[in-house]
C-alpha atoms as a PDB file:
ATOM      1  CA  MET A   1       0.031  -7.148  20.971  1.00  0.00           C
ATOM      2  CA  PRO A   2       3.065  -5.119  19.466  1.00  0.00           C
ATOM      3  CA  LEU A   3       4.124  -4.147  16.185  1.00  0.00           C
ATOM      4  CA  ILE A   4       5.266  -6.703  13.871  1.00  0.00           C
ATOM      5  CA  THR A   5       7.296  -7.070  10.994  1.00  0.00           C
ATOM      6  CA  THR A   6       5.997  -8.009   7.788  1.00  0.00           C
ATOM      7  CA  THR A   7       8.455 -11.296   7.497  1.00  0.00           C
ATOM      8  CA  LYS A   8       5.587 -13.932   9.038  1.00  0.00           C
ATOM      9  CA  MET A   9       3.245 -12.455   7.096  1.00  0.00           C
ATOM     10  CA  PHE A  10       4.672 -12.640   3.468  1.00  0.00           C
ATOM     11  CA  GLU A  11       5.881 -16.226   4.230  1.00  0.00           C
ATOM     12  CA  SER A  12       2.119 -17.298   4.800  1.00  0.00           C
ATOM     13  CA  ALA A  13       0.806 -15.356   2.597  1.00  0.00           C
ATOM     14  CA  HIS A  14       3.193 -17.216  -0.054  1.00  0.00           C
ATOM     15  CA  LYS A  15       2.337 -20.021   1.057  1.00  0.00           C
ATOM     16  CA  GLY A  16      -1.364 -19.589   1.303  1.00  0.00           C
ATOM     17  CA  ASN A  17      -1.790 -17.734  -1.809  1.00  0.00           C
ATOM     18  CA  TYR A  18      -3.310 -14.655  -1.054  1.00  0.00           C
ATOM     19  CA  ALA A  19      -1.884 -11.376   0.010  1.00  0.00           C
ATOM     20  CA  VAL A  20      -1.826  -9.204   2.425  1.00  0.00           C
ATOM     21  CA  GLY A  21      -3.306  -5.392   2.062  1.00  0.00           C
ATOM     22  CA  ALA A  22      -1.320  -2.556   2.691  1.00  0.00           C
ATOM     23  CA  PHE A  23      -3.508   0.815   3.071  1.00  0.00           C
ATOM     24  CA  ASN A  24      -2.352   4.378   3.380  1.00  0.00           C
ATOM     25  CA  VAL A  25      -3.642   6.288   6.590  1.00  0.00           C
ATOM     26  CA  ASN A  26      -3.589  10.557   6.548  1.00  0.00           C
ATOM     27  CA  ASN A  27      -5.706  10.781   9.731  1.00  0.00           C
ATOM     28  CA  MET A  28      -7.204   9.019  12.926  1.00  0.00           C
ATOM     29  CA  GLU A  29     -11.148   7.966  10.951  1.00  0.00           C
ATOM     30  CA  ILE A  30      -9.160   6.081   8.161  1.00  0.00           C
ATOM     31  CA  ILE A  31      -7.073   4.879  10.426  1.00  0.00           C
ATOM     32  CA  GLN A  32      -9.934   3.719  13.122  1.00  0.00           C
ATOM     33  CA  GLY A  33     -11.674   2.079   9.965  1.00  0.00           C
ATOM     34  CA  ILE A  34      -9.058   0.417   8.465  1.00  0.00           C
ATOM     35  CA  PHE A  35      -8.619  -1.666  12.212  1.00  0.00           C
ATOM     36  CA  GLU A  36     -12.468  -2.113  12.341  1.00  0.00           C
ATOM     37  CA  ALA A  37     -12.198  -3.923   9.290  1.00  0.00           C
ATOM     38  CA  ILE A  38      -9.254  -5.649   9.952  1.00  0.00           C
ATOM     39  CA  LYS A  39     -10.801  -6.895  13.472  1.00  0.00           C
ATOM     40  CA  ALA A  40     -13.734  -7.803  11.712  1.00  0.00           C
ATOM     41  CA  SER A  41     -12.376  -9.597   8.890  1.00  0.00           C
ATOM     42  CA  ASN A  42      -9.519 -11.196  10.938  1.00  0.00           C
ATOM     43  CA  ALA A  43      -6.780 -10.188   8.305  1.00  0.00           C
ATOM     44  CA  PRO A  44      -2.827  -9.252   8.641  1.00  0.00           C
ATOM     45  CA  LEU A  45      -2.414  -5.640   8.219  1.00  0.00           C
ATOM     46  CA  ILE A  46       0.444  -3.440   6.741  1.00  0.00           C
ATOM     47  CA  ILE A  47      -0.456   0.406   7.481  1.00  0.00           C
ATOM     48  CA  GLN A  48       1.826   2.812   5.446  1.00  0.00           C
ATOM     49  CA  VAL A  49       2.685   5.851   6.014  1.00  0.00           C
ATOM     50  CA  SER A  50       4.012   8.076   3.548  1.00  0.00           C
ATOM     51  CA  ALA A  51       6.113  11.142   3.573  1.00  0.00           C
ATOM     52  CA  GLY A  52       3.335  13.395   3.051  1.00  0.00           C
ATOM     53  CA  ALA A  53       1.061  11.683   5.519  1.00  0.00           C
ATOM     54  CA  ARG A  54       3.979  12.547   8.687  1.00  0.00           C
ATOM     55  CA  LYS A  55       4.477  16.007   6.698  1.00  0.00           C
ATOM     56  CA  TYR A  56       0.866  16.780   7.281  1.00  0.00           C
ATOM     57  CA  ALA A  57      -0.425  14.608  10.542  1.00  0.00           C
ATOM     58  CA  LYS A  58       3.292  14.591  12.195  1.00  0.00           C
ATOM     59  CA  HIS A  59       4.963  11.243  12.716  1.00  0.00           C
ATOM     60  CA  GLU A  60       4.752  10.974  16.565  1.00  0.00           C
ATOM     61  CA  TYR A  61       0.745  11.617  15.553  1.00  0.00           C
ATOM     62  CA  LEU A  62       0.562   8.651  13.263  1.00  0.00           C
ATOM     63  CA  MET A  63       2.257   6.368  15.410  1.00  0.00           C
ATOM     64  CA  HIS A  64       0.064   7.217  18.803  1.00  0.00           C
ATOM     65  CA  LEU A  65      -3.048   6.972  16.950  1.00  0.00           C
ATOM     66  CA  ILE A  66      -1.648   3.641  15.753  1.00  0.00           C
ATOM     67  CA  GLN A  67      -0.354   2.422  19.156  1.00  0.00           C
ATOM     68  CA  ALA A  68      -3.826   2.897  20.774  1.00  0.00           C
ATOM     69  CA  SER A  69      -5.897   1.170  18.000  1.00  0.00           C
ATOM     70  CA  LEU A  70      -3.728  -1.941  19.207  1.00  0.00           C
ATOM     71  CA  GLU A  71      -4.739  -1.206  22.501  1.00  0.00           C
ATOM     72  CA  VAL A  72      -8.428  -1.305  21.291  1.00  0.00           C
ATOM     73  CA  TYR A  73      -8.319  -4.378  18.620  1.00  0.00           C
ATOM     74  CA  ASP A  74      -5.704  -7.397  19.380  1.00  0.00           C
ATOM     75  CA  VAL A  75      -4.660  -7.320  15.629  1.00  0.00           C
ATOM     76  CA  PRO A  76      -1.372  -8.104  13.965  1.00  0.00           C
ATOM     77  CA  VAL A  77      -0.011  -4.911  12.253  1.00  0.00           C
ATOM     78  CA  ALA A  78       3.114  -3.732  10.674  1.00  0.00           C
ATOM     79  CA  VAL A  79       3.798  -0.410  10.291  1.00  0.00           C
ATOM     80  CA  HIS A  80       5.536   0.710   6.381  1.00  0.00           C
ATOM     81  CA  LEU A  81       7.300   3.668   5.248  1.00  0.00           C
ATOM     82  CA  ASP A  82       5.511   3.920   1.687  1.00  0.00           C
ATOM     83  CA  HIS A  83       8.271   5.468  -0.742  1.00  0.00           C
ATOM     84  CA  GLY A  84      11.141   6.716   0.675  1.00  0.00           C
ATOM     85  CA  GLU A  85      12.890   8.392  -0.963  1.00  0.00           C
ATOM     86  CA  ASP A  86      16.484   8.751   0.718  1.00  0.00           C
ATOM     87  CA  PHE A  87      18.810   7.155   3.360  1.00  0.00           C
ATOM     88  CA  GLU A  88      17.408   9.983   6.060  1.00  0.00           C
ATOM     89  CA  ILE A  89      13.504   9.526   6.013  1.00  0.00           C
ATOM     90  CA  CYS A  90      14.078   6.016   6.135  1.00  0.00           C
ATOM     91  CA  LYS A  91      16.290   6.145   8.953  1.00  0.00           C
ATOM     92  CA  SER A  92      14.020   8.235  10.727  1.00  0.00           C
ATOM     93  CA  CYS A  93      11.210   5.735  10.305  1.00  0.00           C
ATOM     94  CA  ILE A  94      13.261   3.180  11.216  1.00  0.00           C
ATOM     95  CA  ASP A  95      14.254   5.137  14.698  1.00  0.00           C
ATOM     96  CA  GLY A  96      10.984   6.088  15.303  1.00  0.00           C
ATOM     97  CA  GLY A  97       9.314   2.637  15.874  1.00  0.00           C
ATOM     98  CA  PHE A  98       8.051   1.955  12.295  1.00  0.00           C
ATOM     99  CA  THR A  99       8.799  -2.244  12.205  1.00  0.00           C
ATOM    100  CA  SER A 100       9.344  -1.601   7.676  1.00  0.00           C
ATOM    101  CA  VAL A 101      10.733   0.674   5.994  1.00  0.00           C
ATOM    102  CA  MET A 102      10.617   1.156   1.717  1.00  0.00           C
ATOM    103  CA  ILE A 103      13.903   2.971  -0.147  1.00  0.00           C
ATOM    104  CA  ASP A 104      12.604   4.163  -3.327  1.00  0.00           C
ATOM    105  CA  GLY A 105      15.313   4.236  -5.518  1.00  0.00           C
ATOM    106  CA  SER A 106      13.645   3.226  -9.197  1.00  0.00           C
ATOM    107  CA  LYS A 107      14.642   6.476 -10.430  1.00  0.00           C
ATOM    108  CA  TYR A 108      18.275   6.156 -10.365  1.00  0.00           C
ATOM    109  CA  SER A 109      20.423   3.671 -12.426  1.00  0.00           C
ATOM    110  CA  PHE A 110      20.660   0.044 -11.431  1.00  0.00           C
ATOM    111  CA  GLU A 111      23.691   0.879  -9.591  1.00  0.00           C
ATOM    112  CA  GLU A 112      22.751   3.353  -7.928  1.00  0.00           C
ATOM    113  CA  ASN A 113      19.583   1.840  -6.814  1.00  0.00           C
ATOM    114  CA  ILE A 114      20.776  -1.009  -5.101  1.00  0.00           C
ATOM    115  CA  LYS A 115      23.826   1.260  -3.873  1.00  0.00           C
ATOM    116  CA  LEU A 116      21.327   3.099  -2.044  1.00  0.00           C
ATOM    117  CA  THR A 117      18.590  -0.068  -0.998  1.00  0.00           C
ATOM    118  CA  LYS A 118      22.123  -2.029   0.892  1.00  0.00           C
ATOM    119  CA  ARG A 119      22.722   1.394   2.501  1.00  0.00           C
ATOM    120  CA  VAL A 120      19.005   1.124   4.356  1.00  0.00           C
ATOM    121  CA  VAL A 121      19.641  -2.542   4.181  1.00  0.00           C
ATOM    122  CA  ASP A 122      22.425  -2.698   6.208  1.00  0.00           C
ATOM    123  CA  TYR A 123      20.841   0.109   8.577  1.00  0.00           C
ATOM    124  CA  ALA A 124      17.669  -1.867   8.561  1.00  0.00           C
ATOM    125  CA  HIS A 125      18.732  -5.176   9.549  1.00  0.00           C
ATOM    126  CA  ASP A 126      20.731  -4.049  12.340  1.00  0.00           C
ATOM    127  CA  LYS A 127      17.438  -2.382  13.856  1.00  0.00           C
ATOM    128  CA  GLY A 128      15.314  -5.559  13.291  1.00  0.00           C
ATOM    129  CA  VAL A 129      13.667  -3.882  10.675  1.00  0.00           C
ATOM    130  CA  VAL A 130      12.343  -5.163   7.204  1.00  0.00           C
ATOM    131  CA  VAL A 131      13.300  -3.212   3.843  1.00  0.00           C
ATOM    132  CA  GLU A 132      10.740  -2.837   0.805  1.00  0.00           C
ATOM    133  CA  ALA A 133      13.069  -1.622  -2.818  1.00  0.00           C
ATOM    134  CA  GLU A 134      11.550  -1.108  -5.700  1.00  0.00           C
ATOM    135  CA  LEU A 135      12.395  -2.373  -9.590  1.00  0.00           C
ATOM    136  CA  GLY A 136      11.225  -0.337 -12.542  1.00  0.00           C
ATOM    137  CA  LYS A 137       9.003   2.978 -12.478  1.00  0.00           C
ATOM    138  CA  LEU A 138       5.292   3.635 -11.902  1.00  0.00           C
ATOM    139  CA  ALA A 139       3.621   6.374 -13.925  1.00  0.00           C
ATOM    140  CA  GLY A 140       1.308   8.414 -12.198  1.00  0.00           C
ATOM    141  CA  ILE A 141       0.919  10.449  -9.292  1.00  0.00           C
ATOM    142  CA  GLU A 142       1.256  10.060  -5.270  1.00  0.00           C
ATOM    143  CA  ASP A 143       2.087  12.593  -2.951  1.00  0.00           C
ATOM    144  CA  ASN A 144       5.618  14.093  -4.154  1.00  0.00           C
ATOM    145  CA  ILE A 145       6.397  10.789  -6.531  1.00  0.00           C
ATOM    146  CA  LYS A 146       5.249  12.032 -10.262  1.00  0.00           C
ATOM    147  CA  VAL A 147       5.786  10.084 -13.097  1.00  0.00           C
ATOM    148  CA  ALA A 148       5.237  10.547 -16.883  1.00  0.00           C
ATOM    149  CA  ASP A 149       3.772   7.487 -19.190  1.00  0.00           C
ATOM    150  CA  LYS A 150       6.499   8.373 -21.621  1.00  0.00           C
ATOM    151  CA  ASP A 151       9.191   7.827 -18.312  1.00  0.00           C
ATOM    152  CA  ALA A 152       7.356   4.466 -16.949  1.00  0.00           C
ATOM    153  CA  ALA A 153       9.391   1.585 -17.192  1.00  0.00           C
ATOM    154  CA  PHE A 154       8.677  -2.579 -16.623  1.00  0.00           C
ATOM    155  CA  THR A 155      10.769  -4.226 -13.945  1.00  0.00           C
ATOM    156  CA  ASP A 156      13.729  -5.954 -16.640  1.00  0.00           C
ATOM    157  CA  PRO A 157      13.218  -9.675 -14.837  1.00  0.00           C
ATOM    158  CA  ASP A 158      16.307 -10.311 -15.959  1.00  0.00           C
ATOM    159  CA  GLN A 159      17.985  -7.159 -13.298  1.00  0.00           C
ATOM    160  CA  ALA A 160      15.600  -8.542 -10.807  1.00  0.00           C
ATOM    161  CA  ALA A 161      17.427 -11.923  -9.127  1.00  0.00           C
ATOM    162  CA  GLU A 162      20.923  -9.762  -9.533  1.00  0.00           C
ATOM    163  CA  PHE A 163      18.929  -6.932  -7.523  1.00  0.00           C
ATOM    164  CA  ILE A 164      17.459  -9.271  -4.548  1.00  0.00           C
ATOM    165  CA  GLU A 165      21.046 -10.442  -3.621  1.00  0.00           C
ATOM    166  CA  ARG A 166      23.366  -7.419  -3.984  1.00  0.00           C
ATOM    167  CA  SER A 167      21.259  -5.257  -2.190  1.00  0.00           C
ATOM    168  CA  GLY A 168      19.823  -7.747   0.820  1.00  0.00           C
ATOM    169  CA  CYS A 169      16.126  -6.214   0.137  1.00  0.00           C
ATOM    170  CA  ASP A 170      13.738  -8.462   1.602  1.00  0.00           C
ATOM    171  CA  SER A 171      10.532  -7.484  -0.863  1.00  0.00           C
ATOM    172  CA  LEU A 172      10.680  -5.916  -4.009  1.00  0.00           C
ATOM    173  CA  ALA A 173       7.984  -3.947  -5.326  1.00  0.00           C
ATOM    174  CA  ILE A 174       7.901  -4.291  -9.502  1.00  0.00           C
ATOM    175  CA  ALA A 175       5.733  -2.544 -11.990  1.00  0.00           C
ATOM    176  CA  ILE A 176       3.906  -4.759 -14.325  1.00  0.00           C
ATOM    177  CA  GLY A 177       1.858  -1.940 -15.542  1.00  0.00           C
ATOM    178  CA  THR A 178      -0.108  -0.709 -12.658  1.00  0.00           C
ATOM    179  CA  SER A 179       0.133   3.273 -11.496  1.00  0.00           C
ATOM    180  CA  HIS A 180      -0.140   5.756  -9.048  1.00  0.00           C
ATOM    181  CA  GLY A 181      -3.411   8.107  -8.671  1.00  0.00           C
ATOM    182  CA  ALA A 182      -7.137   7.489  -9.747  1.00  0.00           C
ATOM    183  CA  TYR A 183      -6.303   7.319 -13.294  1.00  0.00           C
ATOM    184  CA  LYS A 184      -4.191   4.355 -14.364  1.00  0.00           C
ATOM    185  CA  PHE A 185      -5.365   3.098 -17.689  1.00  0.00           C
ATOM    186  CA  LYS A 186      -6.373   5.403 -20.678  1.00  0.00           C
ATOM    187  CA  GLY A 187      -7.933   2.144 -22.067  1.00  0.00           C
ATOM    188  CA  THR A 188      -8.767  -0.993 -21.207  1.00  0.00           C
ATOM    189  CA  PRO A 189      -6.971  -1.942 -18.392  1.00  0.00           C
ATOM    190  CA  GLN A 190      -3.899  -4.801 -18.508  1.00  0.00           C
ATOM    191  CA  LEU A 191      -1.461  -6.448 -16.287  1.00  0.00           C
ATOM    192  CA  ARG A 192       1.618  -7.659 -17.910  1.00  0.00           C
ATOM    193  CA  PHE A 193       1.081 -11.192 -15.721  1.00  0.00           C
ATOM    194  CA  ASP A 194       3.932 -12.535 -18.480  1.00  0.00           C
ATOM    195  CA  ILE A 195       6.578 -10.298 -16.620  1.00  0.00           C
ATOM    196  CA  LEU A 196       5.307 -11.425 -13.597  1.00  0.00           C
ATOM    197  CA  GLU A 197       5.510 -15.109 -14.222  1.00  0.00           C
ATOM    198  CA  LYS A 198       9.216 -14.162 -15.443  1.00  0.00           C
ATOM    199  CA  ILE A 199      10.684 -12.946 -12.690  1.00  0.00           C
ATOM    200  CA  GLU A 200       8.762 -15.578 -10.564  1.00  0.00           C
ATOM    201  CA  LYS A 201      10.950 -18.216 -12.212  1.00  0.00           C
ATOM    202  CA  LEU A 202      13.897 -16.099 -11.597  1.00  0.00           C
ATOM    203  CA  ILE A 203      14.081 -15.000  -8.153  1.00  0.00           C
ATOM    204  CA  PRO A 204      14.651 -16.947  -4.939  1.00  0.00           C
ATOM    205  CA  ALA A 205      11.604 -19.506  -4.660  1.00  0.00           C
ATOM    206  CA  GLY A 206       8.832 -17.992  -2.331  1.00  0.00           C
ATOM    207  CA  TYR A 207      10.205 -14.758  -2.428  1.00  0.00           C
ATOM    208  CA  PRO A 208       7.741 -11.711  -1.701  1.00  0.00           C
ATOM    209  CA  LEU A 209       6.731  -9.553  -4.504  1.00  0.00           C
ATOM    210  CA  VAL A 210       4.718  -6.337  -3.945  1.00  0.00           C
ATOM    211  CA  LEU A 211       2.206  -4.175  -5.958  1.00  0.00           C
ATOM    212  CA  HIS A 212       1.951  -0.363  -6.136  1.00  0.00           C
ATOM    213  CA  GLY A 213      -0.489   1.808  -7.480  1.00  0.00           C
ATOM    214  CA  ALA A 214      -3.088  -1.167  -6.931  1.00  0.00           C
ATOM    215  CA  SER A 215      -5.934   0.636  -5.570  1.00  0.00           C
ATOM    216  CA  SER A 216      -8.978  -0.746  -8.454  1.00  0.00           C
ATOM    217  CA  VAL A 217     -11.121   2.854  -8.213  1.00  0.00           C
ATOM    218  CA  PRO A 218     -14.343   1.326  -7.881  1.00  0.00           C
ATOM    219  CA  GLN A 219     -17.052   3.101 -10.108  1.00  0.00           C
ATOM    220  CA  ASP A 220     -19.643   3.285  -7.499  1.00  0.00           C
ATOM    221  CA  LEU A 221     -17.312   5.510  -5.662  1.00  0.00           C
ATOM    222  CA  VAL A 222     -16.067   7.558  -8.226  1.00  0.00           C
ATOM    223  CA  GLU A 223     -19.755   8.399  -9.536  1.00  0.00           C
ATOM    224  CA  ALA A 224     -20.925   9.116  -5.968  1.00  0.00           C
ATOM    225  CA  CYS A 225     -17.939  11.892  -5.445  1.00  0.00           C
ATOM    226  CA  ASN A 226     -19.235  12.879  -8.792  1.00  0.00           C
ATOM    227  CA  LYS A 227     -22.857  12.826  -8.050  1.00  0.00           C
ATOM    228  CA  TYR A 228     -22.361  14.974  -5.016  1.00  0.00           C
ATOM    229  CA  GLY A 229     -19.901  17.509  -6.502  1.00  0.00           C
ATOM    230  CA  GLY A 230     -16.925  16.085  -7.796  1.00  0.00           C
ATOM    231  CA  LYS A 231     -15.287  16.337 -10.450  1.00  0.00           C
ATOM    232  CA  ILE A 232     -13.135  12.984 -11.666  1.00  0.00           C
ATOM    233  CA  PRO A 233     -13.930  11.831 -14.982  1.00  0.00           C
ATOM    234  CA  GLY A 234     -12.855   9.036 -16.809  1.00  0.00           C
ATOM    235  CA  ALA A 235     -10.960   7.648 -13.637  1.00  0.00           C
ATOM    236  CA  GLN A 236      -9.969   4.047 -13.623  1.00  0.00           C
ATOM    237  CA  GLY A 237      -7.854   1.319 -11.451  1.00  0.00           C
ATOM    238  CA  VAL A 238      -6.890  -2.262 -11.707  1.00  0.00           C
ATOM    239  CA  PRO A 239      -9.826  -4.767 -11.954  1.00  0.00           C
ATOM    240  CA  GLU A 240     -10.348  -6.537  -8.662  1.00  0.00           C
ATOM    241  CA  THR A 241      -9.839  -9.547 -10.214  1.00  0.00           C
ATOM    242  CA  MET A 242      -6.692  -8.881 -11.724  1.00  0.00           C
ATOM    243  CA  ILE A 243      -5.987  -8.023  -8.539  1.00  0.00           C
ATOM    244  CA  ALA A 244      -7.072 -11.306  -7.248  1.00  0.00           C
ATOM    245  CA  GLN A 245      -4.772 -13.060 -10.087  1.00  0.00           C
ATOM    246  CA  ALA A 246      -1.966 -11.529  -8.976  1.00  0.00           C
ATOM    247  CA  SER A 247      -2.569 -12.133  -5.222  1.00  0.00           C
ATOM    248  CA  LYS A 248      -2.492 -15.849  -6.024  1.00  0.00           C
ATOM    249  CA  THR A 249       0.973 -15.951  -7.295  1.00  0.00           C
ATOM    250  CA  GLY A 250       4.547 -14.906  -5.715  1.00  0.00           C
ATOM    251  CA  VAL A 251       2.498 -10.970  -4.933  1.00  0.00           C
ATOM    252  CA  CYS A 252       2.388 -10.862  -1.202  1.00  0.00           C
ATOM    253  CA  LYS A 253       1.869  -7.523  -0.525  1.00  0.00           C
ATOM    254  CA  VAL A 254      -0.906  -5.387  -2.585  1.00  0.00           C
ATOM    255  CA  ASN A 255      -0.878  -1.290  -2.144  1.00  0.00           C
ATOM    256  CA  ILE A 256      -3.908   0.528  -1.173  1.00  0.00           C
ATOM    257  CA  ASP A 257      -4.593   4.636  -1.162  1.00  0.00           C
ATOM    258  CA  THR A 258      -6.498   5.990  -3.995  1.00  0.00           C
ATOM    259  CA  ASP A 259      -9.827   3.703  -3.281  1.00  0.00           C
ATOM    260  CA  LEU A 260      -9.509   4.770   0.554  1.00  0.00           C
ATOM    261  CA  ARG A 261      -9.429   8.247  -0.201  1.00  0.00           C
ATOM    262  CA  LEU A 262     -12.624   7.893  -2.792  1.00  0.00           C
ATOM    263  CA  ALA A 263     -14.815   6.273  -0.034  1.00  0.00           C
ATOM    264  CA  LEU A 264     -13.509   9.267   2.194  1.00  0.00           C
ATOM    265  CA  THR A 265     -14.734  11.812  -0.132  1.00  0.00           C
ATOM    266  CA  ALA A 266     -17.958  10.680  -1.203  1.00  0.00           C
ATOM    267  CA  ALA A 267     -19.151  10.150   2.196  1.00  0.00           C
ATOM    268  CA  ILE A 268     -18.273  13.647   3.339  1.00  0.00           C
ATOM    269  CA  ARG A 269     -19.748  15.127  -0.086  1.00  0.00           C
ATOM    270  CA  LYS A 270     -22.859  13.449   0.761  1.00  0.00           C
ATOM    271  CA  VAL A 271     -23.677  14.854   4.092  1.00  0.00           C
ATOM    272  CA  PHE A 272     -22.672  18.429   2.719  1.00  0.00           C
ATOM    273  CA  VAL A 273     -24.888  18.098  -0.191  1.00  0.00           C
ATOM    274  CA  GLU A 274     -27.961  16.321   1.801  1.00  0.00           C
ATOM    275  CA  ASP A 275     -27.258  18.612   4.384  1.00  0.00           C
ATOM    276  CA  PRO A 276     -25.702  21.913   4.096  1.00  0.00           C
ATOM    277  CA  GLY A 277     -26.501  22.662   7.528  1.00  0.00           C
ATOM    278  CA  ALA A 278     -23.778  20.131   9.245  1.00  0.00           C
ATOM    279  CA  PHE A 279     -21.074  21.562  10.605  1.00  0.00           C
ATOM    280  CA  ASP A 280     -20.354  19.400  13.654  1.00  0.00           C
ATOM    281  CA  PRO A 281     -17.279  16.989  11.998  1.00  0.00           C
ATOM    282  CA  ARG A 282     -18.658  13.729  13.698  1.00  0.00           C
ATOM    283  CA  LYS A 283     -21.773  14.285  11.163  1.00  0.00           C
ATOM    284  CA  TYR A 284     -19.548  13.786   8.074  1.00  0.00           C
ATOM    285  CA  LEU A 285     -16.465  11.930   9.515  1.00  0.00           C
ATOM    286  CA  ALA A 286     -18.179   9.158  11.254  1.00  0.00           C
ATOM    287  CA  PRO A 287     -20.056   8.230   7.701  1.00  0.00           C
ATOM    288  CA  ALA A 288     -16.386   8.619   6.129  1.00  0.00           C
ATOM    289  CA  ARG A 289     -15.092   6.562   8.337  1.00  0.00           C
ATOM    290  CA  GLU A 290     -17.900   3.715   8.242  1.00  0.00           C
ATOM    291  CA  ALA A 291     -17.120   3.775   4.316  1.00  0.00           C
ATOM    292  CA  VAL A 292     -13.390   3.561   4.356  1.00  0.00           C
ATOM    293  CA  ARG A 293     -14.290   0.342   7.120  1.00  0.00           C
ATOM    294  CA  GLN A 294     -16.413  -0.914   3.890  1.00  0.00           C
ATOM    295  CA  VAL A 295     -14.101  -0.680   1.499  1.00  0.00           C
ATOM    296  CA  VAL A 296     -11.218  -2.418   3.573  1.00  0.00           C
ATOM    297  CA  GLU A 297     -13.317  -5.793   3.930  1.00  0.00           C
ATOM    298  CA  ARG A 298     -14.142  -5.294   0.005  1.00  0.00           C
ATOM    299  CA  LYS A 299     -10.429  -5.115  -0.630  1.00  0.00           C
ATOM    300  CA  ILE A 300     -10.105  -8.404   1.907  1.00  0.00           C
ATOM    301  CA  LYS A 301     -12.379 -10.463   0.041  1.00  0.00           C
ATOM    302  CA  PHE A 302     -10.528 -10.249  -3.120  1.00  0.00           C
ATOM    303  CA  LEU A 303      -6.745 -10.487  -1.823  1.00  0.00           C
ATOM    304  CA  GLY A 304      -7.711 -13.581   0.112  1.00  0.00           C
ATOM    305  CA  CYS A 305      -6.308 -12.330   3.230  1.00  0.00           C
ATOM    306  CA  GLY A 306      -9.329 -12.268   5.390  1.00  0.00           C
ATOM    307  CA  GLY A 307      -9.307 -15.253   8.393  1.00  0.00           C
ATOM    308  CA  LYS A 308      -5.453 -15.080   7.714  1.00  0.00           C
ATOM    309  CA  GLY A 309      -4.696 -12.713  10.851  1.00  0.00           C
ATOM    310  CA  HIS A 310      -2.870 -15.349  13.250  1.00  0.00           C
ATOM    311  CA  GLU A 311      -0.995 -16.962  10.101  1.00  0.00           C
ATOM    312  CA  ALA A 312       1.041 -13.206  10.618  1.00  0.00           C
ATOM    313  CA  LEU A 313       2.320 -14.389  14.506  1.00  0.00           C
END
């Protein structure tokens, strides 16, 4: 099955009150685990590649691994650039076969963000590629994206409709309290559903919204990492019940990265502690791949996209 864009995915998600999982990848085992879960669940899939992943594994390797997966698993898949920070990286990914790109101009002023996003949109649309933009600023750390709590900012609902109209972006990532990394909340987790509701009232009907930094940081995975020598104290994510609530509204795409990293790391640590003599990569990467599969299947249930793969086409 050829790669597709997210357009039909999001139309179906909005109508069906569910969201599509967008999972970040860095190597073969993560890609395999994700595809196995998607196939078993008959769900649509967005594979996300960050600038850091492209630097680590190289664009060509990742694209060929994804293409190989499509030969094995007949599932609807879009390949998306996560947090493209300038026009050049977006252009490179568009020219390199991605079907969706994100241009993150959230660090700029409102006018500069629109200008940059519009430039990417014009180039992408001419190539049949869709564009995600961001309005508002999430706290936390992801690859080279670092935003201190004091610099984070909620999305201004009154600006959202104007931004969408003037930039021409196909989907919009909003800031309502999620954040990047494993330490999303210091106190009680809370998302600003009031802001989400206001944004939905002001933007065009059916327009797809995106949640970044939406990993739930399951405590069983954190505890497993720490049990086998990790040091991840106090990690806390977005409760899966909140993600499920957001998925029943205009949020059509939910980004997940940290949970995959935790699952992978916990599984590898467990092997090394229980079998110190293990040195065959297959002995510790196979359970790591299985751990990724289990996490993705778990996410699909909360997102509500299981059994919806056919709707993405």
